[in-house]
Amino acid sequence: MYILCDTCSVLMLIRIAPDMFCDNRFGCVTIQEVSQELFRTQKFKSKYPWRTSYKSKIKPLGASRVKQGDYELYLQTIKALVSAGIINKRTGHFFNLSSVDQKIAACSIAHNFTLTAVDDDLADFIRQEFSGSSISPLEIINDWLEKGLVKWDENLQAIIEDWDKCNEHPQPKKEIKRFEKITGFKYSGP
């Protein structure tokens, strides 16, 4: 099983496991558009100046790999659904997905990747419209910890504390409890 990371998830996770895209044991992938967004968007340049230190570690899937199978069909379907104005049943509002979000959704569905996205609208969309699956960044960390891929320490704890300072998306209560049980650290993030 592969986990497809959106831009914000990459920013939350890359400092915890810099090899998440280089080492198959982590099971993480992303697309070229996410990598481009990370390094070209002004808000990311300002809010996350450290991200350039990880540029060589962010290895997106090649275009030929992304476009295999039914990717283009899913992308066109997603564009049509968003354009038609589909309502998010959880929020009662129209889905508002950027072009990058639409490509992430298409890749996730076409390749049966689990999605990690802090954008609830994107995660809701793939679950509601395509019965796709999603996972929170903290759940991914917990899985890495249980597999022994990451050893928790004060340095990693500081990164979780930084999530709160950066106003990152709150993590599920169930995963917070799991994190505290696995690490013995108090969860201090959002």
N, C-alpha and C. Protein backbone atom coordinates (compact mmCIF):
# COMPACT_ATOMS: atom_id res chain seq x y z
N MET A 1 0.84 -1.18 0.00
CA MET A 1 0.00 0.00 0.00
C MET A 1 0.88 1.25 0.00
N TYR A 2 0.59 2.16 -0.88
CA TYR A 2 1.30 3.43 -0.91
C TYR A 2 0.40 4.52 -0.37
N ILE A 3 1.04 5.52 0.23
CA ILE A 3 0.34 6.70 0.74
C ILE A 3 0.75 7.87 -0.13
N LEU A 4 -0.24 8.54 -0.71
CA LEU A 4 0.00 9.71 -1.56
C LEU A 4 -0.12 10.96 -0.69
N CYS A 5 0.93 11.76 -0.65
CA CYS A 5 0.99 12.94 0.21
C CYS A 5 0.67 14.21 -0.56
N ASP A 6 -0.22 15.03 0.02
CA ASP A 6 -0.46 16.35 -0.54
C ASP A 6 0.61 17.30 -0.01
N THR A 7 0.58 18.55 -0.45
CA THR A 7 1.63 19.51 -0.12
C THR A 7 1.78 19.73 1.38
N CYS A 8 0.68 19.98 2.07
CA CYS A 8 0.76 20.26 3.51
C CYS A 8 1.22 19.03 4.29
N SER A 9 0.81 17.86 3.87
CA SER A 9 1.27 16.64 4.55
C SER A 9 2.78 16.46 4.39
N VAL A 10 3.29 16.76 3.22
CA VAL A 10 4.74 16.67 3.00
C VAL A 10 5.44 17.61 3.98
N LEU A 11 4.93 18.83 4.11
CA LEU A 11 5.55 19.79 5.01
C LEU A 11 5.51 19.33 6.47
N MET A 12 4.48 18.61 6.84
CA MET A 12 4.37 18.12 8.21
C MET A 12 5.29 16.92 8.45
N LEU A 13 5.48 16.10 7.44
CA LEU A 13 6.15 14.81 7.64
C LEU A 13 7.63 14.75 7.24
N ILE A 14 8.06 15.56 6.31
CA ILE A 14 9.41 15.41 5.74
C ILE A 14 10.51 15.60 6.79
N ARG A 15 10.29 16.46 7.78
CA ARG A 15 11.32 16.66 8.82
C ARG A 15 11.35 15.49 9.80
N ILE A 16 10.24 14.77 9.92
CA ILE A 16 10.18 13.60 10.81
C ILE A 16 10.92 12.42 10.15
N ALA A 17 10.70 12.25 8.84
CA ALA A 17 11.33 11.14 8.12
C ALA A 17 11.82 11.66 6.76
N PRO A 18 13.00 12.25 6.74
CA PRO A 18 13.51 12.83 5.49
C PRO A 18 13.58 11.84 4.32
N ASP A 19 13.68 10.54 4.61
CA ASP A 19 13.76 9.54 3.54
C ASP A 19 12.41 8.95 3.17
N MET A 20 11.33 9.60 3.54
CA MET A 20 9.99 9.04 3.31
C MET A 20 9.69 8.78 1.84
N PHE A 21 10.32 9.52 0.93
CA PHE A 21 10.11 9.29 -0.50
C PHE A 21 11.24 8.49 -1.14
N CYS A 22 12.34 8.33 -0.43
CA CYS A 22 13.51 7.63 -0.97
C CYS A 22 13.58 6.17 -0.53
N ASP A 23 12.97 5.86 0.59
CA ASP A 23 13.03 4.53 1.18
C ASP A 23 11.64 3.89 1.09
N ASN A 24 11.51 2.83 0.33
CA ASN A 24 10.20 2.19 0.10
C ASN A 24 9.52 1.70 1.37
N ARG A 25 10.30 1.50 2.44
CA ARG A 25 9.69 1.03 3.69
C ARG A 25 8.67 2.03 4.24
N PHE A 26 8.85 3.31 3.91
CA PHE A 26 7.92 4.34 4.38
C PHE A 26 6.63 4.34 3.56
N GLY A 27 6.68 3.85 2.34
CA GLY A 27 5.48 3.71 1.52
C GLY A 27 4.85 5.01 1.07
N CYS A 28 5.63 6.08 0.95
CA CYS A 28 5.08 7.39 0.59
C CYS A 28 5.46 7.80 -0.83
N VAL A 29 4.51 8.40 -1.50
CA VAL A 29 4.72 8.95 -2.83
C VAL A 29 4.05 10.32 -2.90
N THR A 30 4.44 11.08 -3.90
CA THR A 30 3.76 12.34 -4.19
C THR A 30 3.88 12.58 -5.69
N ILE A 31 3.27 13.66 -6.14
CA ILE A 31 3.30 13.97 -7.57
C ILE A 31 4.13 15.23 -7.82
N GLN A 32 4.54 15.41 -9.05
CA GLN A 32 5.40 16.53 -9.45
C GLN A 32 4.78 17.88 -9.06
N GLU A 33 3.47 18.01 -9.21
CA GLU A 33 2.80 19.28 -8.92
C GLU A 33 2.94 19.66 -7.45
N VAL A 34 2.98 18.68 -6.57
CA VAL A 34 3.17 18.95 -5.14
C VAL A 34 4.58 19.49 -4.92
N SER A 35 5.56 18.85 -5.51
CA SER A 35 6.94 19.30 -5.38
C SER A 35 7.09 20.73 -5.91
N GLN A 36 6.49 21.01 -7.05
CA GLN A 36 6.55 22.36 -7.62
C GLN A 36 5.89 23.37 -6.70
N GLU A 37 4.73 23.01 -6.16
CA GLU A 37 4.01 23.91 -5.26
C GLU A 37 4.85 24.23 -4.02
N LEU A 38 5.53 23.23 -3.49
CA LEU A 38 6.36 23.41 -2.29
C LEU A 38 7.46 24.45 -2.49
N PHE A 39 8.04 24.47 -3.69
CA PHE A 39 9.21 25.31 -3.89
C PHE A 39 8.93 26.57 -4.71
N ARG A 40 7.73 26.72 -5.24
CA ARG A 40 7.43 27.90 -6.04
C ARG A 40 6.40 28.84 -5.40
N THR A 41 5.66 28.36 -4.42
CA THR A 41 4.58 29.15 -3.84
C THR A 41 5.12 30.05 -2.73
N GLN A 42 4.81 31.32 -2.82
CA GLN A 42 5.33 32.31 -1.87
C GLN A 42 4.97 32.00 -0.43
N LYS A 43 3.73 31.56 -0.17
CA LYS A 43 3.35 31.31 1.23
C LYS A 43 4.20 30.21 1.85
N PHE A 44 4.61 29.23 1.06
CA PHE A 44 5.47 28.17 1.59
C PHE A 44 6.90 28.68 1.78
N LYS A 45 7.35 29.55 0.89
CA LYS A 45 8.69 30.13 1.03
C LYS A 45 8.79 30.92 2.33
N SER A 46 7.74 31.66 2.66
CA SER A 46 7.76 32.49 3.86
C SER A 46 7.55 31.68 5.13
N LYS A 47 6.58 30.79 5.12
CA LYS A 47 6.18 30.06 6.33
C LYS A 47 7.12 28.90 6.66
N TYR A 48 7.73 28.30 5.65
CA TYR A 48 8.57 27.12 5.84
C TYR A 48 9.93 27.32 5.16
N PRO A 49 10.74 28.25 5.62
CA PRO A 49 12.03 28.50 4.94
C PRO A 49 12.95 27.29 4.98
N TRP A 50 12.77 26.39 5.93
CA TRP A 50 13.61 25.19 6.07
C TRP A 50 13.37 24.17 4.96
N ARG A 51 12.28 24.30 4.21
CA ARG A 51 11.89 23.26 3.25
C ARG A 51 12.95 23.03 2.17
N THR A 52 13.74 24.05 1.84
CA THR A 52 14.76 23.89 0.80
C THR A 52 15.82 22.86 1.20
N SER A 53 16.02 22.66 2.50
CA SER A 53 16.98 21.66 2.97
C SER A 53 16.57 20.24 2.57
N TYR A 54 15.30 20.06 2.25
CA TYR A 54 14.77 18.73 1.94
C TYR A 54 14.46 18.54 0.45
N LYS A 55 14.80 19.53 -0.36
CA LYS A 55 14.45 19.47 -1.78
C LYS A 55 14.94 18.19 -2.45
N SER A 56 16.15 17.77 -2.16
CA SER A 56 16.71 16.57 -2.81
C SER A 56 16.02 15.29 -2.32
N LYS A 57 15.32 15.36 -1.21
CA LYS A 57 14.64 14.19 -0.64
C LYS A 57 13.22 14.00 -1.17
N ILE A 58 12.68 15.02 -1.81
CA ILE A 58 11.29 14.94 -2.30
C ILE A 58 11.35 14.45 -3.75
N LYS A 59 11.10 13.16 -3.90
CA LYS A 59 11.20 12.49 -5.20
C LYS A 59 9.78 12.14 -5.67
N PRO A 60 9.18 13.00 -6.51
CA PRO A 60 7.82 12.69 -6.97
C PRO A 60 7.81 11.55 -7.99
N LEU A 61 6.66 10.95 -8.13
CA LEU A 61 6.46 9.94 -9.17
C LEU A 61 6.67 10.58 -10.53
N GLY A 62 7.21 9.84 -11.45
CA GLY A 62 7.36 10.35 -12.81
C GLY A 62 6.00 10.47 -13.49
N ALA A 63 5.90 11.38 -14.45
CA ALA A 63 4.64 11.62 -15.14
C ALA A 63 4.10 10.35 -15.79
N SER A 64 4.98 9.53 -16.35
CA SER A 64 4.51 8.31 -17.00
C SER A 64 3.89 7.35 -15.98
N ARG A 65 4.43 7.31 -14.78
CA ARG A 65 3.87 6.45 -13.72
C ARG A 65 2.51 6.98 -13.27
N VAL A 66 2.42 8.30 -13.08
CA VAL A 66 1.16 8.91 -12.64
C VAL A 66 0.08 8.67 -13.67
N LYS A 67 0.41 8.81 -14.94
CA LYS A 67 -0.60 8.75 -16.00
C LYS A 67 -0.95 7.34 -16.45
N GLN A 68 -0.38 6.34 -15.80
CA GLN A 68 -0.74 4.95 -16.13
C GLN A 68 -2.19 4.68 -15.75
N GLY A 69 -2.74 3.65 -16.37
CA GLY A 69 -4.09 3.22 -16.01
C GLY A 69 -5.14 4.26 -16.36
N ASP A 70 -6.07 4.44 -15.44
CA ASP A 70 -7.22 5.32 -15.69
C ASP A 70 -7.05 6.73 -15.14
N TYR A 71 -5.82 7.16 -14.93
CA TYR A 71 -5.58 8.49 -14.35
C TYR A 71 -6.30 9.59 -15.12
N GLU A 72 -6.11 9.64 -16.43
CA GLU A 72 -6.71 10.72 -17.24
C GLU A 72 -8.24 10.68 -17.16
N LEU A 73 -8.80 9.49 -17.18
CA LEU A 73 -10.26 9.35 -17.06
C LEU A 73 -10.74 9.89 -15.71
N TYR A 74 -10.04 9.52 -14.64
CA TYR A 74 -10.41 10.03 -13.31
C TYR A 74 -10.23 11.55 -13.23
N LEU A 75 -9.16 12.06 -13.79
CA LEU A 75 -8.92 13.49 -13.75
C LEU A 75 -10.05 14.25 -14.45
N GLN A 76 -10.43 13.79 -15.63
CA GLN A 76 -11.53 14.45 -16.36
C GLN A 76 -12.84 14.35 -15.58
N THR A 77 -13.08 13.20 -14.97
CA THR A 77 -14.30 13.02 -14.17
C THR A 77 -14.30 13.96 -12.97
N ILE A 78 -13.18 14.06 -12.31
CA ILE A 78 -13.06 14.94 -11.14
C ILE A 78 -13.26 16.39 -11.55
N LYS A 79 -12.65 16.80 -12.64
CA LYS A 79 -12.83 18.18 -13.13
C LYS A 79 -14.30 18.45 -13.41
N ALA A 80 -14.98 17.49 -14.03
CA ALA A 80 -16.40 17.66 -14.35
C ALA A 80 -17.25 17.75 -13.08
N LEU A 81 -16.96 16.90 -12.11
CA LEU A 81 -17.71 16.91 -10.85
C LEU A 81 -17.53 18.23 -10.11
N VAL A 82 -16.30 18.70 -10.00
CA VAL A 82 -16.02 19.95 -9.30
C VAL A 82 -16.69 21.11 -10.04
N SER A 83 -16.59 21.10 -11.35
CA SER A 83 -17.21 22.15 -12.16
C SER A 83 -18.73 22.16 -12.04
N ALA A 84 -19.32 20.96 -11.92
CA ALA A 84 -20.78 20.85 -11.79
C ALA A 84 -21.27 21.31 -10.42
N GLY A 85 -20.38 21.36 -9.45
CA GLY A 85 -20.78 21.84 -8.13
C GLY A 85 -21.33 20.76 -7.23
N ILE A 86 -20.51 19.80 -6.89
CA ILE A 86 -20.90 18.72 -5.97
C ILE A 86 -20.81 19.23 -4.54
N ILE A 87 -21.82 18.87 -3.74
CA ILE A 87 -21.88 19.29 -2.34
C ILE A 87 -21.15 18.27 -1.45
N ASN A 88 -20.33 18.79 -0.54
CA ASN A 88 -19.69 17.97 0.47
C ASN A 88 -20.77 17.65 1.51
N LYS A 89 -21.12 16.38 1.63
CA LYS A 89 -22.21 15.99 2.53
C LYS A 89 -21.87 16.27 3.99
N ARG A 90 -20.60 16.28 4.34
CA ARG A 90 -20.21 16.54 5.72
C ARG A 90 -20.38 18.01 6.08
N THR A 91 -20.01 18.91 5.15
CA THR A 91 -20.03 20.35 5.46
C THR A 91 -21.25 21.08 4.90
N GLY A 92 -21.86 20.51 3.86
CA GLY A 92 -22.98 21.19 3.21
C GLY A 92 -22.54 22.26 2.22
N HIS A 93 -21.23 22.38 1.99
CA HIS A 93 -20.70 23.36 1.03
C HIS A 93 -20.21 22.65 -0.23
N PHE A 94 -20.08 23.43 -1.30
CA PHE A 94 -19.54 22.88 -2.54
C PHE A 94 -18.07 22.50 -2.34
N PHE A 95 -17.67 21.41 -2.99
CA PHE A 95 -16.25 21.05 -2.98
C PHE A 95 -15.49 22.13 -3.73
N ASN A 96 -14.37 22.57 -3.16
CA ASN A 96 -13.54 23.58 -3.79
C ASN A 96 -12.13 23.02 -3.87
N LEU A 97 -11.81 22.33 -4.96
CA LEU A 97 -10.50 21.70 -5.13
C LEU A 97 -9.68 22.45 -6.17
N SER A 98 -8.46 22.79 -5.80
CA SER A 98 -7.54 23.43 -6.74
C SER A 98 -7.19 22.43 -7.84
N SER A 99 -6.53 22.91 -8.87
CA SER A 99 -6.11 22.00 -9.96
C SER A 99 -5.11 20.97 -9.43
N VAL A 100 -4.25 21.36 -8.49
CA VAL A 100 -3.30 20.40 -7.91
C VAL A 100 -4.07 19.36 -7.09
N ASP A 101 -5.05 19.81 -6.30
CA ASP A 101 -5.87 18.88 -5.52
C ASP A 101 -6.59 17.88 -6.44
N GLN A 102 -7.06 18.34 -7.58
CA GLN A 102 -7.74 17.46 -8.52
C GLN A 102 -6.79 16.40 -9.06
N LYS A 103 -5.55 16.78 -9.32
CA LYS A 103 -4.55 15.81 -9.80
C LYS A 103 -4.18 14.82 -8.70
N ILE A 104 -4.08 15.31 -7.47
CA ILE A 104 -3.80 14.42 -6.34
C ILE A 104 -4.94 13.41 -6.20
N ALA A 105 -6.17 13.88 -6.26
CA ALA A 105 -7.33 12.99 -6.14
C ALA A 105 -7.33 11.95 -7.25
N ALA A 106 -7.07 12.38 -8.49
CA ALA A 106 -7.06 11.45 -9.63
C ALA A 106 -5.98 10.40 -9.46
N CYS A 107 -4.80 10.80 -9.02
CA CYS A 107 -3.70 9.86 -8.82
C CYS A 107 -4.05 8.88 -7.70
N SER A 108 -4.60 9.39 -6.62
CA SER A 108 -4.98 8.53 -5.49
C SER A 108 -5.98 7.47 -5.92
N ILE A 109 -6.99 7.86 -6.64
CA ILE A 109 -8.05 6.93 -7.05
C ILE A 109 -7.54 5.98 -8.14
N ALA A 110 -6.87 6.52 -9.14
CA ALA A 110 -6.41 5.69 -10.27
C ALA A 110 -5.44 4.60 -9.83
N HIS A 111 -4.64 4.87 -8.81
CA HIS A 111 -3.62 3.92 -8.39
C HIS A 111 -3.93 3.24 -7.05
N ASN A 112 -5.13 3.52 -6.54
CA ASN A 112 -5.57 2.92 -5.28
C ASN A 112 -4.60 3.24 -4.14
N PHE A 113 -4.10 4.50 -4.14
CA PHE A 113 -3.24 4.97 -3.07
C PHE A 113 -4.11 5.50 -1.93
N THR A 114 -3.67 5.29 -0.71
CA THR A 114 -4.30 5.95 0.43
C THR A 114 -3.81 7.39 0.41
N LEU A 115 -4.69 8.32 0.68
CA LEU A 115 -4.36 9.74 0.63
C LEU A 115 -4.07 10.27 2.02
N THR A 116 -3.02 11.06 2.15
CA THR A 116 -2.87 11.86 3.36
C THR A 116 -2.94 13.31 2.93
N ALA A 117 -3.94 13.98 3.46
CA ALA A 117 -4.18 15.38 3.12
C ALA A 117 -4.73 16.07 4.35
N VAL A 118 -4.19 17.22 4.68
CA VAL A 118 -4.75 17.97 5.79
C VAL A 118 -5.92 18.82 5.32
N ASP A 119 -6.15 18.83 4.03
CA ASP A 119 -7.30 19.51 3.45
C ASP A 119 -8.50 18.56 3.57
N ASP A 120 -9.38 18.84 4.52
CA ASP A 120 -10.53 17.98 4.74
C ASP A 120 -11.40 17.86 3.50
N ASP A 121 -11.50 18.94 2.72
CA ASP A 121 -12.32 18.93 1.52
C ASP A 121 -11.81 17.89 0.53
N LEU A 122 -10.51 17.82 0.34
CA LEU A 122 -9.91 16.85 -0.58
C LEU A 122 -10.15 15.42 -0.08
N ALA A 123 -9.89 15.19 1.19
CA ALA A 123 -10.10 13.85 1.77
C ALA A 123 -11.58 13.46 1.70
N ASP A 124 -12.46 14.40 2.03
CA ASP A 124 -13.90 14.14 1.96
C ASP A 124 -14.31 13.80 0.52
N PHE A 125 -13.74 14.52 -0.44
CA PHE A 125 -14.10 14.32 -1.85
C PHE A 125 -13.77 12.91 -2.31
N ILE A 126 -12.56 12.44 -2.03
CA ILE A 126 -12.20 11.10 -2.53
C ILE A 126 -13.00 10.01 -1.82
N ARG A 127 -13.32 10.25 -0.55
CA ARG A 127 -14.13 9.26 0.18
C ARG A 127 -15.58 9.28 -0.31
N GLN A 128 -16.14 10.47 -0.45
CA GLN A 128 -17.54 10.59 -0.83
C GLN A 128 -17.81 10.19 -2.27
N GLU A 129 -17.01 10.66 -3.18
CA GLU A 129 -17.29 10.45 -4.60
C GLU A 129 -16.68 9.16 -5.16
N PHE A 130 -15.63 8.64 -4.52
CA PHE A 130 -14.94 7.48 -5.09
C PHE A 130 -14.67 6.36 -4.08
N SER A 131 -15.17 6.49 -2.88
CA SER A 131 -14.91 5.51 -1.82
C SER A 131 -13.41 5.31 -1.59
N GLY A 132 -12.64 6.37 -1.77
CA GLY A 132 -11.21 6.32 -1.53
C GLY A 132 -10.91 6.32 -0.05
N SER A 133 -9.65 6.14 0.29
CA SER A 133 -9.27 6.11 1.71
C SER A 133 -8.26 7.21 2.01
N SER A 134 -8.28 7.66 3.26
CA SER A 134 -7.33 8.69 3.67
C SER A 134 -6.82 8.38 5.07
N ILE A 135 -5.70 9.00 5.41
CA ILE A 135 -5.02 8.78 6.67
C ILE A 135 -4.42 10.11 7.11
N SER A 136 -4.40 10.35 8.41
CA SER A 136 -3.85 11.61 8.92
C SER A 136 -2.32 11.52 9.01
N PRO A 137 -1.63 12.67 8.97
CA PRO A 137 -0.18 12.65 9.15
C PRO A 137 0.24 11.99 10.47
N LEU A 138 -0.48 12.24 11.55
CA LEU A 138 -0.11 11.64 12.83
C LEU A 138 -0.30 10.12 12.80
N GLU A 139 -1.31 9.64 12.11
CA GLU A 139 -1.49 8.19 11.99
C GLU A 139 -0.32 7.57 11.24
N ILE A 140 0.18 8.27 10.23
CA ILE A 140 1.35 7.79 9.49
C ILE A 140 2.56 7.71 10.43
N ILE A 141 2.77 8.75 11.22
CA ILE A 141 3.89 8.75 12.17
C ILE A 141 3.75 7.58 13.14
N ASN A 142 2.55 7.38 13.66
CA ASN A 142 2.32 6.26 14.58
C ASN A 142 2.65 4.93 13.93
N ASP A 143 2.26 4.76 12.67
CA ASP A 143 2.58 3.53 11.95
C ASP A 143 4.10 3.37 11.80
N TRP A 144 4.79 4.46 11.46
CA TRP A 144 6.25 4.42 11.33
C TRP A 144 6.90 4.04 12.66
N LEU A 145 6.39 4.61 13.74
CA LEU A 145 6.92 4.29 15.07
C LEU A 145 6.74 2.81 15.39
N GLU A 146 5.56 2.28 15.12
CA GLU A 146 5.29 0.87 15.41
C GLU A 146 6.14 -0.06 14.55
N LYS A 147 6.47 0.36 13.35
CA LYS A 147 7.32 -0.46 12.47
C LYS A 147 8.81 -0.28 12.78
N GLY A 148 9.13 0.65 13.68
CA GLY A 148 10.53 0.91 14.02
C GLY A 148 11.27 1.74 12.99
N LEU A 149 10.54 2.41 12.11
CA LEU A 149 11.18 3.24 11.08
C LEU A 149 11.64 4.58 11.63
N VAL A 150 11.01 5.01 12.72
CA VAL A 150 11.33 6.29 13.37
C VAL A 150 11.50 6.02 14.86
N LYS A 151 12.51 6.61 15.44
CA LYS A 151 12.74 6.54 16.89
C LYS A 151 12.46 7.93 17.46
N TRP A 152 11.46 8.00 18.35
CA TRP A 152 11.04 9.31 18.86
C TRP A 152 12.04 9.85 19.87
N ASP A 153 12.29 11.17 19.78
CA ASP A 153 13.19 11.84 20.71
C ASP A 153 12.78 13.30 20.85
N GLU A 154 13.54 14.06 21.60
CA GLU A 154 13.22 15.48 21.84
C GLU A 154 13.24 16.30 20.55
N ASN A 155 14.14 15.97 19.62
CA ASN A 155 14.20 16.72 18.36
C ASN A 155 12.93 16.54 17.54
N LEU A 156 12.44 15.31 17.47
CA LEU A 156 11.20 15.06 16.73
C LEU A 156 10.01 15.67 17.48
N GLN A 157 10.06 15.64 18.79
CA GLN A 157 9.00 16.25 19.59
C GLN A 157 8.90 17.76 19.28
N ALA A 158 10.04 18.40 19.09
CA ALA A 158 10.06 19.83 18.75
C ALA A 158 9.38 20.10 17.41
N ILE A 159 9.48 19.15 16.50
CA ILE A 159 8.82 19.31 15.19
C ILE A 159 7.30 19.28 15.37
N ILE A 160 6.82 18.36 16.20
CA ILE A 160 5.38 18.29 16.48
C ILE A 160 4.92 19.59 17.15
N GLU A 161 5.73 20.13 18.06
CA GLU A 161 5.39 21.40 18.70
C GLU A 161 5.33 22.52 17.66
N ASP A 162 6.19 22.45 16.66
CA ASP A 162 6.21 23.44 15.59
C ASP A 162 4.94 23.39 14.74
N TRP A 163 4.32 22.21 14.65
CA TRP A 163 3.06 22.11 13.91
C TRP A 163 2.04 23.09 14.48
N ASP A 164 2.00 23.20 15.80
CA ASP A 164 1.06 24.10 16.45
C ASP A 164 1.40 25.55 16.12
N LYS A 165 2.69 25.89 16.17
CA LYS A 165 3.14 27.26 15.87
C LYS A 165 2.84 27.63 14.42
N CYS A 166 2.90 26.63 13.53
CA CYS A 166 2.64 26.87 12.10
C CYS A 166 1.15 26.79 11.77
N ASN A 167 0.34 26.57 12.81
CA ASN A 167 -1.11 26.52 12.63
C ASN A 167 -1.54 25.38 11.69
N GLU A 168 -0.88 24.22 11.87
CA GLU A 168 -1.23 23.05 11.06
C GLU A 168 -2.59 22.50 11.50
N HIS A 169 -3.11 21.64 10.69
CA HIS A 169 -4.43 21.06 10.92
C HIS A 169 -4.43 20.16 12.16
N PRO A 170 -5.48 20.24 12.99
CA PRO A 170 -5.56 19.36 14.16
C PRO A 170 -5.58 17.88 13.75
N GLN A 171 -4.99 17.06 14.57
CA GLN A 171 -4.92 15.62 14.30
C GLN A 171 -6.01 14.88 15.08
N PRO A 172 -6.40 13.70 14.62
CA PRO A 172 -7.48 12.95 15.28
C PRO A 172 -7.13 12.58 16.72
N LYS A 173 -8.11 12.74 17.61
CA LYS A 173 -7.92 12.43 19.03
C LYS A 173 -7.45 10.98 19.24
N LYS A 174 -8.00 10.06 18.47
CA LYS A 174 -7.62 8.65 18.57
C LYS A 174 -6.12 8.48 18.30
N GLU A 175 -5.62 9.20 17.30
CA GLU A 175 -4.20 9.09 16.94
C GLU A 175 -3.31 9.81 17.95
N ILE A 176 -3.83 10.86 18.58
CA ILE A 176 -3.08 11.55 19.63
C ILE A 176 -2.86 10.60 20.81
N LYS A 177 -3.91 9.91 21.21
CA LYS A 177 -3.79 8.95 22.31
C LYS A 177 -2.83 7.83 21.94
N ARG A 178 -2.92 7.36 20.72
CA ARG A 178 -2.03 6.29 20.25
C ARG A 178 -0.57 6.76 20.27
N PHE A 179 -0.34 7.99 19.79
CA PHE A 179 0.99 8.58 19.79
C PHE A 179 1.57 8.63 21.20
N GLU A 180 0.78 9.12 22.15
CA GLU A 180 1.25 9.24 23.53
C GLU A 180 1.57 7.88 24.14
N LYS A 181 0.76 6.89 23.80
CA LYS A 181 1.00 5.54 24.30
C LYS A 181 2.29 4.95 23.71
N ILE A 182 2.50 5.14 22.41
CA ILE A 182 3.69 4.59 21.74
C ILE A 182 4.96 5.28 22.20
N THR A 183 4.93 6.62 22.27
CA THR A 183 6.16 7.38 22.51
C THR A 183 6.45 7.67 23.98
N GLY A 184 5.40 7.74 24.79
CA GLY A 184 5.58 8.17 26.17
C GLY A 184 5.69 9.68 26.29
N PHE A 185 5.59 10.40 25.16
CA PHE A 185 5.62 11.87 25.14
C PHE A 185 4.18 12.40 25.12
N LYS A 186 4.00 13.57 25.70
CA LYS A 186 2.71 14.25 25.60
C LYS A 186 2.62 14.88 24.22
N TYR A 187 1.48 14.70 23.57
CA TYR A 187 1.28 15.31 22.25
C TYR A 187 1.06 16.80 22.45
N SER A 188 1.88 17.62 21.83
CA SER A 188 1.78 19.07 22.02
C SER A 188 1.46 19.82 20.72
N GLY A 189 1.04 19.08 19.72
CA GLY A 189 0.68 19.71 18.45
C GLY A 189 -0.78 20.08 18.42
N PRO A 190 -1.25 20.45 17.26
CA PRO A 190 -2.66 20.85 17.11
C PRO A 190 -3.59 19.65 17.17
